[in-house]
Protein backbone atom coordinates (compact mmCIF):
# COMPACT_ATOMS: atom_id res chain seq x y z
CA UNK A 1 -71.15 44.71 -6.66
CA UNK A 2 -73.54 46.27 -9.17
CA UNK A 3 -74.54 49.09 -6.82
CA UNK A 4 -70.96 49.71 -5.75
CA UNK A 5 -69.87 50.15 -9.37
CA UNK A 6 -72.95 52.11 -10.42
CA UNK A 7 -74.09 49.55 -12.98
CA UNK A 8 -76.83 46.96 -13.54
CA UNK A 9 -77.15 43.28 -14.39
CA UNK A 10 -76.09 43.90 -18.01
CA UNK A 11 -72.82 45.49 -16.89
CA UNK A 12 -72.06 42.59 -14.55
CA UNK A 13 -72.92 40.16 -17.36
CA UNK A 14 -70.29 41.84 -19.54
CA UNK A 15 -67.75 41.42 -16.74
CA UNK A 16 -68.52 37.69 -16.64
CA UNK A 17 -68.52 37.35 -20.41
CA UNK A 18 -65.25 39.24 -20.92
CA UNK A 19 -63.36 36.65 -18.85
CA UNK A 20 -64.94 33.83 -20.83
CA UNK A 21 -64.05 35.46 -24.15
CA UNK A 22 -60.35 35.89 -23.40
CA UNK A 23 -60.00 32.63 -21.49
CA UNK A 24 -61.50 30.41 -24.18
CA UNK A 25 -60.53 32.57 -27.15
CA UNK A 26 -56.82 32.72 -26.33
CA UNK A 27 -56.17 29.30 -24.79
CA UNK A 28 -55.26 27.51 -28.02
CA UNK A 29 -53.10 30.45 -29.10
CA UNK A 30 -51.15 30.40 -25.83
CA UNK A 31 -50.96 26.61 -25.91
CA UNK A 32 -49.32 26.70 -29.33
CA UNK A 33 -46.98 29.54 -28.36
CA UNK A 34 -46.01 27.53 -25.28
CA UNK A 35 -45.09 24.61 -27.53
CA UNK A 36 -42.72 26.90 -29.41
CA UNK A 37 -41.29 29.15 -26.68
CA UNK A 38 -41.51 27.04 -23.52
CA UNK A 39 -44.43 25.89 -21.38
CA UNK A 40 -42.75 26.75 -18.09
CA UNK A 41 -42.34 30.36 -19.20
CA UNK A 42 -45.97 30.57 -20.27
CA UNK A 43 -47.17 28.95 -17.04
CA UNK A 44 -45.22 31.35 -14.82
CA UNK A 45 -46.22 34.38 -16.88
CA UNK A 46 -49.84 33.31 -16.63
CA UNK A 47 -49.73 33.40 -12.83
CA UNK A 48 -48.16 36.87 -12.89
CA UNK A 49 -50.78 38.23 -15.33
CA UNK A 50 -53.60 36.58 -13.37
CA UNK A 51 -52.37 38.08 -10.09
CA UNK A 52 -52.05 41.57 -11.54
CA UNK A 53 -55.48 41.34 -13.17
CA UNK A 54 -57.05 40.15 -9.90
CA UNK A 55 -55.58 43.18 -8.14
CA UNK A 56 -56.99 45.47 -10.86
CA UNK A 57 -60.41 43.79 -10.50
CA UNK A 58 -60.44 44.51 -6.77
CA UNK A 59 -59.41 48.12 -7.34
CA UNK A 60 -61.96 48.78 -10.12
CA UNK A 61 -63.96 51.98 -9.61
CA UNK A 62 -66.46 51.48 -12.42
CA UNK A 63 -67.84 48.65 -14.50
CA UNK A 64 -65.63 49.40 -17.54
CA UNK A 65 -62.51 48.96 -15.41
CA UNK A 66 -63.91 45.70 -14.07
CA UNK A 67 -64.71 44.42 -17.58
CA UNK A 68 -61.20 45.20 -18.84
CA UNK A 69 -59.60 43.71 -15.72
CA UNK A 70 -61.68 40.56 -16.05
CA UNK A 71 -60.61 40.27 -19.70
CA UNK A 72 -56.97 40.49 -18.56
CA UNK A 73 -57.68 37.95 -15.83
CA UNK A 74 -58.98 35.60 -18.52
CA UNK A 75 -55.72 36.13 -20.45
CA UNK A 76 -53.76 34.98 -17.41
CA UNK A 77 -56.10 32.04 -16.91
CA UNK A 78 -55.67 31.02 -20.55
CA UNK A 79 -51.87 31.06 -20.14
CA UNK A 80 -52.09 28.83 -17.08
CA UNK A 81 -54.70 26.38 -18.29
CA UNK A 82 -53.22 25.98 -21.76
CA UNK A 83 -50.02 24.51 -20.30
CA UNK A 84 -51.06 22.86 -17.03
CA UNK A 85 -51.92 19.36 -18.23
CA UNK A 86 -49.00 19.31 -20.68
CA UNK A 87 -46.58 20.14 -17.86
CA UNK A 88 -48.15 17.42 -15.71
CA UNK A 89 -47.68 14.89 -18.51
CA UNK A 90 -43.99 15.78 -18.84
CA UNK A 91 -43.29 15.91 -15.09
CA UNK A 92 -43.54 12.12 -14.70
CA UNK A 93 -42.43 9.02 -16.63
CA UNK A 94 -44.81 8.09 -19.43
CA UNK A 95 -46.04 5.02 -17.57
CA UNK A 96 -47.36 7.33 -14.82
CA UNK A 97 -49.08 9.78 -17.17
CA UNK A 98 -52.59 8.69 -16.23
CA UNK A 99 -51.94 9.22 -12.54
CA UNK A 100 -50.53 12.67 -13.28
CA UNK A 101 -53.77 13.60 -15.06
CA UNK A 102 -55.75 12.11 -12.17
CA UNK A 103 -53.97 14.35 -9.68
CA UNK A 104 -54.58 17.34 -11.96
CA UNK A 105 -58.30 16.56 -11.98
CA UNK A 106 -58.23 16.23 -8.19
CA UNK A 107 -56.51 19.61 -7.85
CA UNK A 108 -59.07 21.29 -10.13
CA UNK A 109 -62.00 19.95 -8.11
CA UNK A 110 -60.47 20.84 -4.77
CA UNK A 111 -60.59 24.39 -6.13
CA UNK A 112 -64.20 23.92 -7.23
CA UNK A 113 -65.06 22.69 -3.73
CA UNK A 114 -63.27 25.39 -1.73
CA UNK A 115 -63.53 28.40 -4.06
CA UNK A 116 -67.27 29.25 -3.84
CA UNK A 117 -67.44 28.86 -0.06
CA UNK A 118 -64.30 30.91 0.55
CA UNK A 119 -65.48 33.56 -1.89
CA UNK A 120 -68.84 33.71 -0.16
CA UNK A 121 -67.22 34.19 3.24
CA UNK A 122 -64.98 36.98 1.93
CA UNK A 123 -67.97 38.77 0.38
CA UNK A 124 -70.13 38.36 3.50
CA UNK A 125 -67.55 39.52 6.04
CA UNK A 126 -65.42 41.93 3.97
CA UNK A 127 -66.57 42.89 0.46
CA UNK A 128 -66.65 41.58 -3.08
CA UNK A 129 -63.28 43.27 -3.72
CA UNK A 130 -61.57 40.87 -1.30
CA UNK A 131 -62.70 37.92 -3.39
CA UNK A 132 -60.29 39.28 -6.01
CA UNK A 133 -57.58 40.47 -3.61
CA UNK A 134 -57.44 36.96 -2.12
CA UNK A 135 -56.34 35.60 -5.52
CA UNK A 136 -53.27 37.86 -5.72
CA UNK A 137 -51.00 36.05 -3.23
CA UNK A 138 -52.19 32.67 -4.54
CA UNK A 139 -51.17 33.62 -8.07
CA UNK A 140 -47.83 35.00 -6.92
CA UNK A 141 -47.10 31.77 -5.04
CA UNK A 142 -47.85 29.84 -8.23
CA UNK A 143 -45.44 32.04 -10.19
CA UNK A 144 -42.68 31.67 -7.57
CA UNK A 145 -43.06 27.89 -7.46
CA UNK A 146 -42.99 27.68 -11.26
CA UNK A 147 -39.95 29.93 -11.59
CA UNK A 148 -38.23 27.88 -8.90
CA UNK A 149 -38.71 24.75 -10.99
CA UNK A 150 -36.69 26.33 -13.80
CA UNK A 151 -33.52 25.48 -11.91
CA UNK A 152 -34.28 21.77 -11.73
CA UNK A 153 -34.31 21.12 -15.41
CA UNK A 154 -33.81 22.67 -18.83
CA UNK A 155 -36.58 24.74 -20.33
CA UNK A 156 -37.29 23.58 -23.84
CA UNK A 157 -37.89 26.27 -26.40
CA UNK A 158 -38.26 26.06 -30.17
CA UNK A 159 -38.12 29.52 -31.64
CA UNK A 160 -40.11 29.35 -34.86
CA UNK A 161 -41.98 31.99 -36.77
CA UNK A 162 -45.54 32.63 -35.58
CA UNK A 163 -48.42 32.54 -38.02
CA UNK A 164 -50.01 35.76 -36.76
CA UNK A 165 -52.83 35.73 -39.33
CA UNK A 166 -53.74 32.19 -38.36
CA UNK A 167 -53.72 33.17 -34.68
CA UNK A 168 -55.96 36.18 -35.36
CA UNK A 169 -58.44 34.10 -37.37
CA UNK A 170 -58.46 31.47 -34.63
CA UNK A 171 -59.20 34.10 -31.98
CA UNK A 172 -62.00 35.55 -34.12
CA UNK A 173 -63.46 32.06 -34.62
CA UNK A 174 -63.45 31.05 -30.95
CA UNK A 175 -64.68 34.35 -29.53
CA UNK A 176 -67.57 34.71 -31.99
CA UNK A 177 -68.58 31.12 -31.25
CA UNK A 178 -68.63 31.86 -27.52
CA UNK A 179 -70.77 34.94 -28.15
CA UNK A 180 -73.15 32.92 -30.31
CA UNK A 181 -73.60 30.13 -27.78
CA UNK A 182 -73.71 32.13 -24.56
CA UNK A 183 -77.33 32.76 -23.58
CA UNK A 184 -76.47 36.13 -21.97
CA UNK A 185 -75.50 37.71 -25.30
CA UNK A 186 -79.10 37.66 -26.57
CA UNK A 187 -80.02 40.02 -23.74
CA UNK A 188 -76.87 42.11 -24.11
CA UNK A 189 -76.73 42.39 -27.91
CA UNK A 190 -80.09 41.45 -29.37
CA UNK A 191 -81.11 39.10 -32.19
CA UNK A 192 -79.79 41.15 -35.12
CA UNK A 193 -76.31 41.36 -33.63
CA UNK A 194 -76.27 37.59 -33.08
CA UNK A 195 -77.12 37.05 -36.74
CA UNK A 196 -74.19 39.27 -37.71
CA UNK A 197 -71.99 37.27 -35.32
CA UNK A 198 -73.09 34.05 -37.03
CA UNK A 199 -71.95 35.41 -40.39
CA UNK A 200 -68.67 36.59 -38.85
CA UNK A 201 -68.09 33.19 -37.26
CA UNK A 202 -68.61 31.32 -40.52
CA UNK A 203 -66.30 33.73 -42.34
CA UNK A 204 -63.58 33.48 -39.69
CA UNK A 205 -63.80 29.69 -39.51
CA UNK A 206 -63.65 29.31 -43.30
CA UNK A 207 -60.77 31.74 -43.54
CA UNK A 208 -58.88 29.98 -40.75
CA UNK A 209 -59.20 26.51 -42.30
CA UNK A 210 -58.26 27.72 -45.79
CA UNK A 211 -55.29 29.71 -44.48
CA UNK A 212 -53.97 26.90 -42.28
CA UNK A 213 -54.16 24.40 -45.14
CA UNK A 214 -52.25 26.68 -47.51
CA UNK A 215 -49.59 28.27 -45.32
CA UNK A 216 -46.16 26.64 -45.03
CA UNK A 217 -45.96 27.18 -41.26
CA UNK A 218 -49.54 26.85 -39.92
CA UNK A 219 -50.38 28.07 -36.44
CA UNK A 220 -52.39 24.89 -35.82
CA UNK A 221 -51.37 21.62 -37.41
CA UNK A 222 -54.77 20.39 -38.55
CA UNK A 223 -53.34 16.97 -39.35
CA UNK A 224 -53.25 16.31 -35.60
CA UNK A 225 -57.00 15.77 -35.79
CA UNK A 226 -56.29 12.74 -37.99
CA UNK A 227 -55.00 11.03 -34.85
CA UNK A 228 -58.05 9.02 -33.90
CA UNK A 229 -57.40 8.95 -30.17
CA UNK A 230 -57.14 12.74 -30.12
CA UNK A 231 -60.12 13.61 -32.32
CA UNK A 232 -62.41 11.04 -30.68
CA UNK A 233 -61.35 12.24 -27.22
CA UNK A 234 -62.21 15.82 -28.22
CA UNK A 235 -65.67 14.77 -29.36
CA UNK A 236 -66.26 12.66 -26.24
CA UNK A 237 -65.19 15.51 -23.94
CA UNK A 238 -67.41 18.00 -25.78
CA UNK A 239 -70.49 15.79 -25.35
CA UNK A 240 -69.80 14.88 -21.72
CA UNK A 241 -69.15 18.49 -20.69
CA UNK A 242 -72.32 19.52 -22.57
CA UNK A 243 -74.35 16.92 -20.66
CA UNK A 244 -72.83 17.87 -17.33
CA UNK A 245 -73.42 21.61 -17.72
CA UNK A 246 -76.97 21.08 -18.98
CA UNK A 247 -77.81 19.10 -15.84
CA UNK A 248 -76.08 21.64 -13.59
CA UNK A 249 -78.10 24.41 -15.27
CA UNK A 250 -81.55 22.82 -15.19
CA UNK A 251 -81.54 20.67 -12.06
CA UNK A 252 -81.57 23.53 -9.50
CA UNK A 253 -84.86 24.81 -10.99
CA UNK A 254 -86.41 21.40 -10.36
CA UNK A 255 -84.98 21.10 -6.86
CA UNK A 256 -85.98 24.57 -5.69
CA UNK A 257 -89.12 25.45 -7.68
CA UNK A 258 -90.76 22.01 -7.92
CA UNK A 259 -89.51 20.02 -4.92
CA UNK A 260 -89.21 23.24 -2.84
CA UNK A 261 -85.87 22.33 -1.30
CA UNK A 262 -84.02 25.14 0.47
CA UNK A 263 -81.07 26.84 -1.28
CA UNK A 264 -78.73 25.75 1.52
CA UNK A 265 -79.78 22.11 1.17
CA UNK A 266 -79.32 22.30 -2.60
CA UNK A 267 -75.86 23.73 -2.01
CA UNK A 268 -75.01 20.73 0.17
CA UNK A 269 -76.21 18.35 -2.56
CA UNK A 270 -73.98 20.02 -5.13
CA UNK A 271 -70.95 19.61 -2.87
CA UNK A 272 -71.08 15.90 -3.65
CA UNK A 273 -69.71 16.07 -7.25
CA UNK A 274 -66.31 17.61 -6.41
CA UNK A 275 -65.90 15.32 -3.37
CA UNK A 276 -66.62 12.19 -5.42
CA UNK A 277 -64.34 13.42 -8.20
CA UNK A 278 -61.50 14.11 -5.76
CA UNK A 279 -61.73 10.52 -4.50
CA UNK A 280 -62.10 8.78 -7.87
CA UNK A 281 -59.73 10.77 -10.11
CA UNK A 282 -56.46 9.23 -8.80
CA UNK A 283 -57.99 5.76 -9.10
CA UNK A 284 -59.01 6.49 -12.67
CA UNK A 285 -55.49 7.70 -13.41
CA UNK A 286 -54.06 4.45 -12.04
CA UNK A 287 -56.51 2.42 -14.14
CA UNK A 288 -55.61 4.45 -17.23
CA UNK A 289 -51.92 3.68 -16.71
CA UNK A 290 -52.73 -0.03 -16.50
CA UNK A 291 -55.20 -0.52 -19.34
CA UNK A 292 -55.17 2.71 -21.38
CA UNK A 293 -57.85 5.41 -21.60
CA UNK A 294 -60.50 3.49 -23.54
CA UNK A 295 -62.06 1.54 -20.65
CA UNK A 296 -62.30 4.40 -18.11
CA UNK A 297 -63.55 6.96 -20.65
CA UNK A 298 -66.22 4.57 -21.94
CA UNK A 299 -67.22 3.58 -18.41
CA UNK A 300 -67.41 7.24 -17.41
CA UNK A 301 -69.80 8.08 -20.26
CA UNK A 302 -71.96 5.08 -19.39
CA UNK A 303 -72.40 6.54 -15.89
CA UNK A 304 -73.39 9.87 -17.47
CA UNK A 305 -75.99 8.18 -19.69
CA UNK A 306 -77.36 6.30 -16.68
CA UNK A 307 -77.51 9.58 -14.75
CA UNK A 308 -79.58 11.20 -17.48
CA UNK A 309 -81.93 8.21 -17.63
CA UNK A 310 -82.50 8.59 -13.89
CA UNK A 311 -83.49 12.19 -14.66
CA UNK A 312 -86.13 10.92 -17.09
CA UNK A 313 -87.91 9.34 -14.08
CA UNK A 314 -88.49 12.66 -12.30
CA UNK A 315 -92.02 13.53 -11.26
CA UNK A 316 -93.48 16.59 -9.60
CA UNK A 317 -93.58 14.77 -6.25
CA UNK A 318 -90.36 12.74 -6.45
CA UNK A 319 -88.29 12.23 -3.30
CA UNK A 320 -85.11 14.32 -3.14
CA UNK A 321 -83.04 11.10 -3.06
CA UNK A 322 -83.80 10.50 -6.76
CA UNK A 323 -82.10 13.71 -8.03
CA UNK A 324 -79.35 13.08 -5.46
CA UNK A 325 -78.75 9.71 -7.11
CA UNK A 326 -78.58 11.49 -10.48
CA UNK A 327 -76.05 14.01 -9.14
CA UNK A 328 -73.90 11.21 -7.69
CA UNK A 329 -73.82 9.27 -10.96
CA UNK A 330 -72.76 12.43 -12.79
CA UNK A 331 -70.02 12.97 -10.23
CA UNK A 332 -68.73 9.44 -10.84
CA UNK A 333 -68.53 10.35 -14.52
CA UNK A 334 -66.29 13.30 -13.71
CA UNK A 335 -63.97 11.26 -11.53
CA UNK A 336 -63.57 8.39 -13.99
CA UNK A 337 -63.78 10.17 -17.34
CA UNK A 338 -61.73 13.36 -16.94
CA UNK A 339 -58.27 11.91 -16.15
CA UNK A 340 -58.59 9.29 -18.87
CA UNK A 341 -59.74 11.66 -21.59
CA UNK A 342 -56.95 14.08 -20.65
CA UNK A 343 -54.47 11.24 -21.07
CA UNK A 344 -55.94 10.44 -24.47
CA UNK A 345 -55.73 14.07 -25.60
CA UNK A 346 -52.49 15.25 -23.95
CA UNK A 347 -50.42 12.37 -22.66
CA UNK A 348 -50.47 10.45 -25.93
CA UNK A 349 -49.75 13.49 -28.11
CA UNK A 350 -46.18 14.06 -29.40
CA UNK A 351 -44.34 16.26 -26.91
CA UNK A 352 -43.94 19.16 -29.33
CA UNK A 353 -47.73 19.46 -29.58
CA UNK A 354 -48.78 18.89 -25.96
CA UNK A 355 -49.36 22.57 -25.24
CA UNK A 356 -51.86 22.69 -28.08
CA UNK A 357 -53.47 19.47 -26.85
CA UNK A 358 -53.69 20.78 -23.27
CA UNK A 359 -55.33 23.96 -24.56
CA UNK A 360 -57.77 21.94 -26.67
CA UNK A 361 -58.76 20.02 -23.54
CA UNK A 362 -59.57 23.27 -21.75
CA UNK A 363 -61.31 24.91 -24.73
CA UNK A 364 -63.40 21.82 -25.52
CA UNK A 365 -64.56 21.69 -21.90
CA UNK A 366 -65.40 25.41 -22.02
CA UNK A 367 -67.36 25.15 -25.26
CA UNK A 368 -69.22 22.12 -23.90
CA UNK A 369 -70.28 24.11 -20.84
CA UNK A 370 -71.54 27.03 -22.92
CA UNK A 371 -73.27 24.75 -25.41
CA UNK A 372 -74.93 22.73 -22.64
CA UNK A 373 -76.59 25.79 -21.12
CA UNK A 374 -77.71 27.05 -24.55
CA UNK A 375 -79.05 23.66 -25.63
CA UNK A 376 -80.73 23.10 -22.26
CA UNK A 377 -82.68 26.32 -22.57
CA UNK A 378 -83.65 25.57 -26.17
CA UNK A 379 -84.82 22.00 -25.50
CA UNK A 380 -86.71 22.98 -22.34
CA UNK A 381 -88.58 25.73 -24.19
CA UNK A 382 -89.53 23.45 -27.08
CA UNK A 383 -90.57 20.58 -24.78
CA UNK A 384 -92.58 22.88 -22.51
CA UNK A 385 -94.51 24.26 -25.49
CA UNK A 386 -95.18 20.68 -26.65
CA UNK A 387 -96.44 19.45 -23.27
CA UNK A 388 -98.60 22.52 -22.59
CA UNK A 389 -99.88 22.85 -26.14
CA UNK A 390 -99.14 26.58 -25.99
CA UNK A 391 -96.74 28.37 -28.30
CA UNK A 392 -94.43 31.16 -27.22
CA UNK A 393 -94.57 30.35 -23.49
CA UNK A 394 -91.45 30.13 -21.36
CA UNK A 395 -90.85 27.15 -19.07
CA UNK A 396 -92.16 27.86 -15.58
CA UNK A 397 -92.60 25.76 -12.46
CA UNK A 398 -96.01 27.43 -11.95
CA UNK A 399 -97.17 24.52 -14.10
CA UNK A 400 -95.14 21.79 -12.35
CA UNK A 401 -96.52 18.81 -14.27
CA UNK A 402 -95.66 20.28 -17.69
CA UNK A 403 -92.34 21.65 -16.38
CA UNK A 404 -91.24 18.24 -15.13
CA UNK A 405 -92.46 16.57 -18.32
CA UNK A 406 -90.36 19.02 -20.34
CA UNK A 407 -87.38 18.33 -18.07
CA UNK A 408 -87.78 14.57 -18.54
CA UNK A 409 -87.96 15.02 -22.31
CA UNK A 410 -84.84 17.18 -22.31
CA UNK A 411 -82.89 14.60 -20.29
CA UNK A 412 -84.06 11.83 -22.62
CA UNK A 413 -82.84 13.68 -25.71
CA UNK A 414 -79.47 14.39 -24.11
CA UNK A 415 -79.18 10.77 -22.97
CA UNK A 416 -79.52 9.81 -26.62
CA UNK A 417 -76.77 12.28 -27.51
CA UNK A 418 -74.50 10.79 -24.85
CA UNK A 419 -74.64 7.45 -26.69
CA UNK A 420 -72.43 9.06 -29.33
CA UNK A 421 -69.82 9.73 -26.66
CA UNK A 422 -69.91 6.08 -25.62
CA UNK A 423 -69.13 5.14 -29.23
CA UNK A 424 -66.35 7.71 -29.69
CA UNK A 425 -64.76 6.69 -26.38
CA UNK A 426 -64.91 3.01 -27.28
CA UNK A 427 -63.38 3.38 -30.74
CA UNK A 428 -60.97 6.22 -30.01
CA UNK A 429 -59.39 5.48 -26.67
CA UNK A 430 -56.81 2.92 -27.77
CA UNK A 431 -53.16 3.03 -26.86
CA UNK A 432 -52.26 3.55 -30.49
CA UNK A 433 -54.02 5.30 -33.31
């Protein structure tokens, strides 16, 4: 791709980052607009925008065109993901809400399972452009199916004035936070720019909170965070997604560079999480409908903590079954935790705010992923310096004993952090708040 577009790794990094910026930065905005103007409309429009952007990505002749097309693709993705779980919650009776979120989780992970392999085949046998072209008919089918559902029921719409300043401050807050946390931006922008971004983030966040508290018609109703089940679910999801992405980021280095497993074998190992999630998510949804979200969310985090403690046992000569056990426990977390926490955030929110809640679910997961990678790199570097006794050295498997010791330390610290998520899940996941 880089050679075909006449660019380098930095240019491709911008193409990846531009999608992340628009997708995370605009999700809450589109979720709130969907609450006001109709989620079905937003959902259908998202598929149309995503399809058009995918076509533009495939047709890009230079890296700037690809960056702009990827940004637009992220806009379409934000429209879709900000309404998806809210629409699922409203498509079934309330007593089946957990199962609806379980099926949503299953659908997401079927995509995670099939997407990389199908994309790889398209790139190998055709070209990278066909990985984008393939998404066009899929998006159009989604739009047609959504538009077809308009006829089966009324589309709710509450036309209220939009707090455009609040929306702009929210976008500035979320995008600068993504840029601060994403490890690629240090290479792309440099340290001085990141310091300026930190100042901009603090200013945008302060301005957003002050504005939303003072305005008569706030873009985001901050009082929703006073609902314990919602705020505790947000915190639990942030920590769990952080833990999961940290493990997904660091574990391949251990598997390939220390245990010397082949890339194809590692790929097979990482097929387990989506398969386990696909199987467990509907069961978790059923359990959530029966007993509420507290038990499955708490149980899910306990599996994550156990997974991290297994990681603490790694040695330079461990058998590959030990990290496989860790991966499996993390997959069980996904299958049990995700449907239940979605029910706590979306299904139990008042209907007029479910678009915002659905978007918060997506954004919290996205921020957790970015933060997990950033924190994983930071903790590994600090632990590697401690175990080697050398300052300013980067973690490397050339010193396998110190590398594994640093990895064990990192997993231990994050296991301690996951205990907070056990607490927030236990106290927040009640049927009432």
